[in-house]
Amino acid sequence: MAIVRKSLDEIKASARQIDLARLHAATEGDIHRHAIEDGQNPDEEPGGYTPVLPARMVRKQLGMTQEAFAAALNIPLATLRNWEQGRVRPDPAARALLTIFAREPDAALRALKVA
């Protein structure tokens, strides 16, 4: 397999043109049929995603300052601020910990010997 290098202008020039009339003419039945042809089950609820609890919401629910919450999570204050300001998304382990804090705050604080 060869790597093809194209400039931005070449990519834009070769971009497919969307037939908007055909797109707007598609019925729900067409969309359903295409999903099946693509190997999807259109009658099934979408899955494969995990909701992310915002760190700020969890912290405010606990009534903690950023400093206290960062200390409770044993993370740098800058990390918490990056999460809260949307610059960085918490990794899976941190998301799990935020979920625990949101659902069972007393147990989480006890386990981490904060309370």
Protein backbone atom coordinates (compact mmCIF):
# COMPACT_ATOMS: atom_id res chain seq x y z
CA MET A 1 0.00 0.00 0.00
CA ALA A 2 1.50 3.29 -1.10
CA ILE A 3 1.05 6.58 0.68
CA VAL A 4 -0.33 9.25 -1.59
CA ARG A 5 0.58 12.80 -0.77
CA LYS A 6 -1.77 15.54 -1.91
CA SER A 7 -1.80 19.24 -1.32
CA LEU A 8 -4.83 20.89 0.24
CA ASP A 9 -5.72 22.37 -3.14
CA GLU A 10 -5.63 18.89 -4.73
CA ILE A 11 -7.84 17.48 -1.99
CA LYS A 12 -10.36 20.30 -2.39
CA ALA A 13 -10.37 19.90 -6.16
CA SER A 14 -11.03 16.16 -5.92
CA ALA A 15 -13.68 16.39 -3.22
CA ARG A 16 -16.92 14.69 -4.07
CA GLN A 17 -19.82 16.86 -4.94
CA ILE A 18 -22.92 16.15 -2.88
CA ASP A 19 -26.14 15.77 -4.81
CA LEU A 20 -28.32 17.82 -2.48
CA ALA A 21 -31.50 17.07 -4.44
CA ARG A 22 -30.92 13.34 -4.01
CA LEU A 23 -29.99 13.82 -0.36
CA HIS A 24 -33.17 15.77 0.39
CA ALA A 25 -35.26 13.25 -1.54
CA ALA A 26 -34.11 10.36 0.67
CA THR A 27 -36.96 8.90 2.70
CA GLU A 28 -36.79 7.31 6.14
CA GLY A 29 -37.16 3.98 4.36
CA ASP A 30 -34.11 4.75 2.21
CA ILE A 31 -32.08 5.67 5.28
CA HIS A 32 -33.21 2.49 7.07
CA ARG A 33 -32.27 0.34 4.06
CA HIS A 34 -28.85 2.01 3.71
CA ALA A 35 -28.10 1.43 7.39
CA ILE A 36 -28.85 -2.29 6.96
CA GLU A 37 -26.67 -2.40 3.84
CA ASP A 38 -23.86 -0.82 5.89
CA GLY A 39 -24.12 -3.61 8.48
CA GLN A 40 -25.90 -1.53 11.11
CA ASN A 41 -29.09 -2.30 12.97
CA PRO A 42 -31.12 0.91 12.63
CA ASP A 43 -33.70 -0.35 15.14
CA GLU A 44 -31.11 -0.67 17.91
CA GLU A 45 -30.28 2.17 20.26
CA PRO A 46 -26.81 3.57 19.57
CA GLY A 47 -24.22 2.46 22.04
CA GLY A 48 -20.51 2.33 22.56
CA TYR A 49 -20.25 5.66 24.29
CA THR A 50 -19.80 6.55 27.91
CA PRO A 51 -21.21 9.76 29.32
CA VAL A 52 -18.59 12.00 30.86
CA LEU A 53 -19.53 13.77 34.07
CA PRO A 54 -18.11 17.28 34.04
CA ALA A 55 -15.48 17.64 36.77
CA ARG A 56 -16.81 21.10 37.66
CA MET A 57 -20.32 19.70 38.23
CA VAL A 58 -19.01 16.94 40.50
CA ARG A 59 -16.83 19.37 42.43
CA LYS A 60 -19.65 21.86 42.92
CA GLN A 61 -22.01 19.05 43.97
CA LEU A 62 -19.49 18.28 46.72
CA GLY A 63 -19.16 21.96 47.64
CA MET A 64 -15.38 21.81 47.29
CA THR A 65 -12.90 24.35 46.01
CA GLN A 66 -10.70 23.45 43.06
CA GLU A 67 -7.76 23.13 45.42
CA ALA A 68 -9.58 20.78 47.80
CA PHE A 69 -11.03 18.65 45.01
CA ALA A 70 -7.65 18.33 43.25
CA ALA A 71 -6.13 17.26 46.57
CA ALA A 72 -8.94 14.71 47.11
CA LEU A 73 -8.33 13.26 43.64
CA ASN A 74 -4.56 13.38 44.25
CA ILE A 75 -3.99 15.28 40.99
CA PRO A 76 -2.29 18.58 40.22
CA LEU A 77 -4.54 21.62 40.43
CA ALA A 78 -3.62 22.45 36.82
CA THR A 79 -5.01 19.08 35.69
CA LEU A 80 -8.36 19.77 37.33
CA ARG A 81 -8.47 23.24 35.80
CA ASN A 82 -7.71 21.78 32.36
CA TRP A 83 -10.62 19.36 32.77
CA GLU A 84 -12.99 22.05 33.97
CA GLN A 85 -12.05 24.43 31.16
CA GLY A 86 -12.38 21.72 28.52
CA ARG A 87 -8.76 21.81 27.40
CA VAL A 88 -8.19 18.18 28.35
CA ARG A 89 -10.62 15.30 28.75
CA PRO A 90 -10.11 13.09 31.81
CA ASP A 91 -8.70 9.66 30.99
CA PRO A 92 -10.91 6.56 31.58
CA ALA A 93 -9.63 5.99 35.13
CA ALA A 94 -10.26 9.61 36.07
CA ARG A 95 -13.75 9.47 34.52
CA ALA A 96 -14.48 6.40 36.64
CA LEU A 97 -13.28 8.21 39.75
CA LEU A 98 -15.46 11.23 38.92
CA THR A 99 -18.43 8.89 38.54
CA ILE A 100 -17.72 7.35 41.94
CA PHE A 101 -17.47 10.81 43.51
CA ALA A 102 -20.76 11.83 41.88
CA ARG A 103 -22.67 8.69 42.94
CA GLU A 104 -21.09 7.85 46.30
CA PRO A 105 -19.28 10.98 47.52
CA ASP A 106 -19.08 9.97 51.17
CA ALA A 107 -17.63 6.55 50.33
CA ALA A 108 -15.13 8.08 47.89
CA LEU A 109 -14.01 10.69 50.40
CA ARG A 110 -13.72 8.02 53.14
CA ALA A 111 -11.79 5.68 50.87
CA LEU A 112 -9.36 8.44 49.96
CA LYS A 113 -9.22 9.54 53.61
CA VAL A 114 -10.34 13.07 52.79
CA ALA A 115 -13.39 13.23 55.05
